[in-house]
Amino acid sequence: MANNRLIYSSELGRLCPECSQAIKNCRCKKVKDAKPGDGIVRISRSTAGRKGKGVTLITGVPLAGEALKELARQLKQKCGSGGTLKDGVIEIQGEHRDQLVEELQKLGWTVKRAGG
């Protein structure tokens, strides 16, 4: 009977299955570590699924949670462009690879341009 955790409460709404807190107060999401990688930040360009609009993708950043969100915000500001953070991949609208390579190298990471 170890699998009888509460997942919904009419008082709190949905509950996290890990920490049993309300989803909005979940402690698990804030503590998650960065995905292990090879230590190289890769910058590529993609138009797939975007109706021909290009975005610059940044993968392999050794940060997680709020630190990754803050880095994405700073990079978007630096490029003067919009973007988002999806599954640990920073997407910045437009072609900004050269500018982002310089910026990430200033932060001390090994950066490679991936793709064409």
C-alpha atoms as a PDB file:
ATOM      1  CA  MET A   1       0.000   0.000   0.000  1.00  0.00           C
ATOM      2  CA  ALA A   2       2.952   2.337  -0.560  1.00  0.00           C
ATOM      3  CA  ASN A   3       1.295   3.757  -3.680  1.00  0.00           C
ATOM      4  CA  ASN A   4      -1.628   5.585  -2.056  1.00  0.00           C
ATOM      5  CA  ARG A   5      -0.523   9.205  -2.197  1.00  0.00           C
ATOM      6  CA  LEU A   6      -3.000  12.046  -2.456  1.00  0.00           C
ATOM      7  CA  ILE A   7      -2.783  13.737  -5.872  1.00  0.00           C
ATOM      8  CA  TYR A   8      -5.704  16.155  -5.670  1.00  0.00           C
ATOM      9  CA  SER A   9      -7.296  18.078  -2.866  1.00  0.00           C
ATOM     10  CA  SER A  10     -10.447  20.176  -3.216  1.00  0.00           C
ATOM     11  CA  GLU A  11      -8.814  22.675  -0.867  1.00  0.00           C
ATOM     12  CA  LEU A  12      -5.383  22.951  -2.576  1.00  0.00           C
ATOM     13  CA  GLY A  13      -6.015  21.629  -6.088  1.00  0.00           C
ATOM     14  CA  ARG A  14      -3.413  19.405  -7.792  1.00  0.00           C
ATOM     15  CA  LEU A  15      -0.614  18.144  -5.560  1.00  0.00           C
ATOM     16  CA  CYS A  16       2.939  17.248  -6.525  1.00  0.00           C
ATOM     17  CA  PRO A  17       3.440  13.470  -6.324  1.00  0.00           C
ATOM     18  CA  GLU A  18       7.008  13.947  -5.055  1.00  0.00           C
ATOM     19  CA  CYS A  19       6.691  16.447  -2.189  1.00  0.00           C
ATOM     20  CA  SER A  20       2.870  16.378  -1.638  1.00  0.00           C
ATOM     21  CA  GLN A  21       2.691  20.178  -1.832  1.00  0.00           C
ATOM     22  CA  ALA A  22       0.306  22.170  -4.014  1.00  0.00           C
ATOM     23  CA  ILE A  23       1.729  22.422  -7.571  1.00  0.00           C
ATOM     24  CA  LYS A  24       2.206  26.189  -7.210  1.00  0.00           C
ATOM     25  CA  ASN A  25       4.207  25.646  -3.988  1.00  0.00           C
ATOM     26  CA  CYS A  26       6.118  22.591  -5.193  1.00  0.00           C
ATOM     27  CA  ARG A  27       9.642  22.359  -3.779  1.00  0.00           C
ATOM     28  CA  CYS A  28      10.811  19.685  -6.241  1.00  0.00           C
ATOM     29  CA  LYS A  29      10.758  21.875  -9.345  1.00  0.00           C
ATOM     30  CA  LYS A  30      12.888  24.567  -7.751  1.00  0.00           C
ATOM     31  CA  VAL A  31      15.622  22.170  -6.615  1.00  0.00           C
ATOM     32  CA  LYS A  32      16.130  20.085  -9.771  1.00  0.00           C
ATOM     33  CA  ASP A  33      19.709  19.873 -10.973  1.00  0.00           C
ATOM     34  CA  ALA A  34      20.931  20.640 -14.459  1.00  0.00           C
ATOM     35  CA  LYS A  35      20.935  17.763 -16.912  1.00  0.00           C
ATOM     36  CA  PRO A  36      24.346  16.131 -17.100  1.00  0.00           C
ATOM     37  CA  GLY A  37      26.121  16.880 -20.345  1.00  0.00           C
ATOM     38  CA  ASP A  38      29.565  17.001 -21.873  1.00  0.00           C
ATOM     39  CA  GLY A  39      30.283  20.540 -20.642  1.00  0.00           C
ATOM     40  CA  ILE A  40      29.924  22.165 -24.059  1.00  0.00           C
ATOM     41  CA  VAL A  41      27.257  24.753 -24.770  1.00  0.00           C
ATOM     42  CA  ARG A  42      25.987  24.366 -28.332  1.00  0.00           C
ATOM     43  CA  ILE A  43      24.377  27.108 -30.381  1.00  0.00           C
ATOM     44  CA  SER A  44      22.394  26.219 -33.479  1.00  0.00           C
ATOM     45  CA  ARG A  45      19.718  27.651 -35.733  1.00  0.00           C
ATOM     46  CA  SER A  46      16.380  26.031 -36.520  1.00  0.00           C
ATOM     47  CA  THR A  47      13.293  26.775 -38.593  1.00  0.00           C
ATOM     48  CA  ALA A  48      11.552  23.417 -38.146  1.00  0.00           C
ATOM     49  CA  GLY A  49       7.912  23.750 -37.163  1.00  0.00           C
ATOM     50  CA  ARG A  50       8.040  27.542 -37.174  1.00  0.00           C
ATOM     51  CA  LYS A  51       6.688  28.308 -40.676  1.00  0.00           C
ATOM     52  CA  GLY A  52      10.132  29.370 -41.929  1.00  0.00           C
ATOM     53  CA  LYS A  53      10.887  31.707 -39.033  1.00  0.00           C
ATOM     54  CA  GLY A  54      14.376  31.096 -37.692  1.00  0.00           C
ATOM     55  CA  VAL A  55      15.309  30.804 -34.038  1.00  0.00           C
ATOM     56  CA  THR A  56      18.659  30.400 -32.350  1.00  0.00           C
ATOM     57  CA  LEU A  57      18.798  27.390 -30.003  1.00  0.00           C
ATOM     58  CA  ILE A  58      21.154  27.164 -27.020  1.00  0.00           C
ATOM     59  CA  THR A  59      21.595  23.695 -25.505  1.00  0.00           C
ATOM     60  CA  GLY A  60      23.896  22.169 -22.919  1.00  0.00           C
ATOM     61  CA  VAL A  61      23.925  25.110 -20.487  1.00  0.00           C
ATOM     62  CA  PRO A  62      24.972  23.712 -17.083  1.00  0.00           C
ATOM     63  CA  LEU A  63      22.287  25.616 -15.164  1.00  0.00           C
ATOM     64  CA  ALA A  64      18.792  24.732 -13.979  1.00  0.00           C
ATOM     65  CA  GLY A  65      15.671  26.390 -12.657  1.00  0.00           C
ATOM     66  CA  GLU A  66      15.745  30.087 -11.894  1.00  0.00           C
ATOM     67  CA  ALA A  67      19.406  30.475 -12.925  1.00  0.00           C
ATOM     68  CA  LEU A  68      18.587  29.200 -16.419  1.00  0.00           C
ATOM     69  CA  LYS A  69      15.544  31.498 -16.655  1.00  0.00           C
ATOM     70  CA  GLU A  70      17.685  34.461 -15.649  1.00  0.00           C
ATOM     71  CA  LEU A  71      20.342  33.592 -18.245  1.00  0.00           C
ATOM     72  CA  ALA A  72      17.641  33.322 -20.932  1.00  0.00           C
ATOM     73  CA  ARG A  73      16.304  36.728 -19.927  1.00  0.00           C
ATOM     74  CA  GLN A  74      19.765  38.312 -20.089  1.00  0.00           C
ATOM     75  CA  LEU A  75      20.524  36.796 -23.494  1.00  0.00           C
ATOM     76  CA  LYS A  76      17.185  37.927 -24.922  1.00  0.00           C
ATOM     77  CA  GLN A  77      17.887  41.440 -23.656  1.00  0.00           C
ATOM     78  CA  LYS A  78      21.379  41.399 -25.147  1.00  0.00           C
ATOM     79  CA  CYS A  79      19.976  40.399 -28.548  1.00  0.00           C
ATOM     80  CA  GLY A  80      17.019  42.767 -28.313  1.00  0.00           C
ATOM     81  CA  SER A  81      14.738  39.908 -29.223  1.00  0.00           C
ATOM     82  CA  GLY A  82      12.052  37.671 -27.798  1.00  0.00           C
ATOM     83  CA  GLY A  83      12.352  34.015 -26.979  1.00  0.00           C
ATOM     84  CA  THR A  84      11.495  31.273 -24.551  1.00  0.00           C
ATOM     85  CA  LEU A  85      12.852  28.461 -22.439  1.00  0.00           C
ATOM     86  CA  LYS A  86      11.584  24.954 -23.294  1.00  0.00           C
ATOM     87  CA  ASP A  87      12.849  21.770 -21.629  1.00  0.00           C
ATOM     88  CA  GLY A  88      16.258  23.265 -20.785  1.00  0.00           C
ATOM     89  CA  VAL A  89      16.747  24.695 -24.306  1.00  0.00           C
ATOM     90  CA  ILE A  90      16.875  28.465 -24.698  1.00  0.00           C
ATOM     91  CA  GLU A  91      15.181  29.653 -27.902  1.00  0.00           C
ATOM     92  CA  ILE A  92      15.872  33.192 -29.094  1.00  0.00           C
ATOM     93  CA  GLN A  93      13.981  34.593 -32.058  1.00  0.00           C
ATOM     94  CA  GLY A  94      16.140  35.435 -35.066  1.00  0.00           C
ATOM     95  CA  GLU A  95      19.764  34.807 -36.114  1.00  0.00           C
ATOM     96  CA  HIS A  96      22.027  35.727 -33.176  1.00  0.00           C
ATOM     97  CA  ARG A  97      24.613  32.934 -33.120  1.00  0.00           C
ATOM     98  CA  ASP A  98      27.732  35.113 -33.392  1.00  0.00           C
ATOM     99  CA  GLN A  99      26.609  37.505 -30.681  1.00  0.00           C
ATOM    100  CA  LEU A 100      25.582  34.667 -28.354  1.00  0.00           C
ATOM    101  CA  VAL A 101      28.863  32.769 -28.822  1.00  0.00           C
ATOM    102  CA  GLU A 102      30.787  35.840 -27.634  1.00  0.00           C
ATOM    103  CA  GLU A 103      28.431  36.454 -24.720  1.00  0.00           C
ATOM    104  CA  LEU A 104      28.531  32.867 -23.435  1.00  0.00           C
ATOM    105  CA  GLN A 105      32.319  32.715 -23.770  1.00  0.00           C
ATOM    106  CA  LYS A 106      32.531  35.825 -21.578  1.00  0.00           C
ATOM    107  CA  LEU A 107      30.648  33.829 -18.939  1.00  0.00           C
ATOM    108  CA  GLY A 108      33.394  31.209 -19.064  1.00  0.00           C
ATOM    109  CA  TRP A 109      31.732  28.345 -20.924  1.00  0.00           C
ATOM    110  CA  THR A 110      33.089  26.313 -23.818  1.00  0.00           C
ATOM    111  CA  VAL A 111      30.837  27.205 -26.739  1.00  0.00           C
ATOM    112  CA  LYS A 112      30.480  25.555 -30.151  1.00  0.00           C
ATOM    113  CA  ARG A 113      28.371  26.443 -33.151  1.00  0.00           C
ATOM    114  CA  ALA A 114      26.341  23.402 -34.116  1.00  0.00           C
ATOM    115  CA  GLY A 115      24.839  22.863 -37.532  1.00  0.00           C
ATOM    116  CA  GLY A 116      25.380  24.948 -40.658  1.00  0.00           C
END
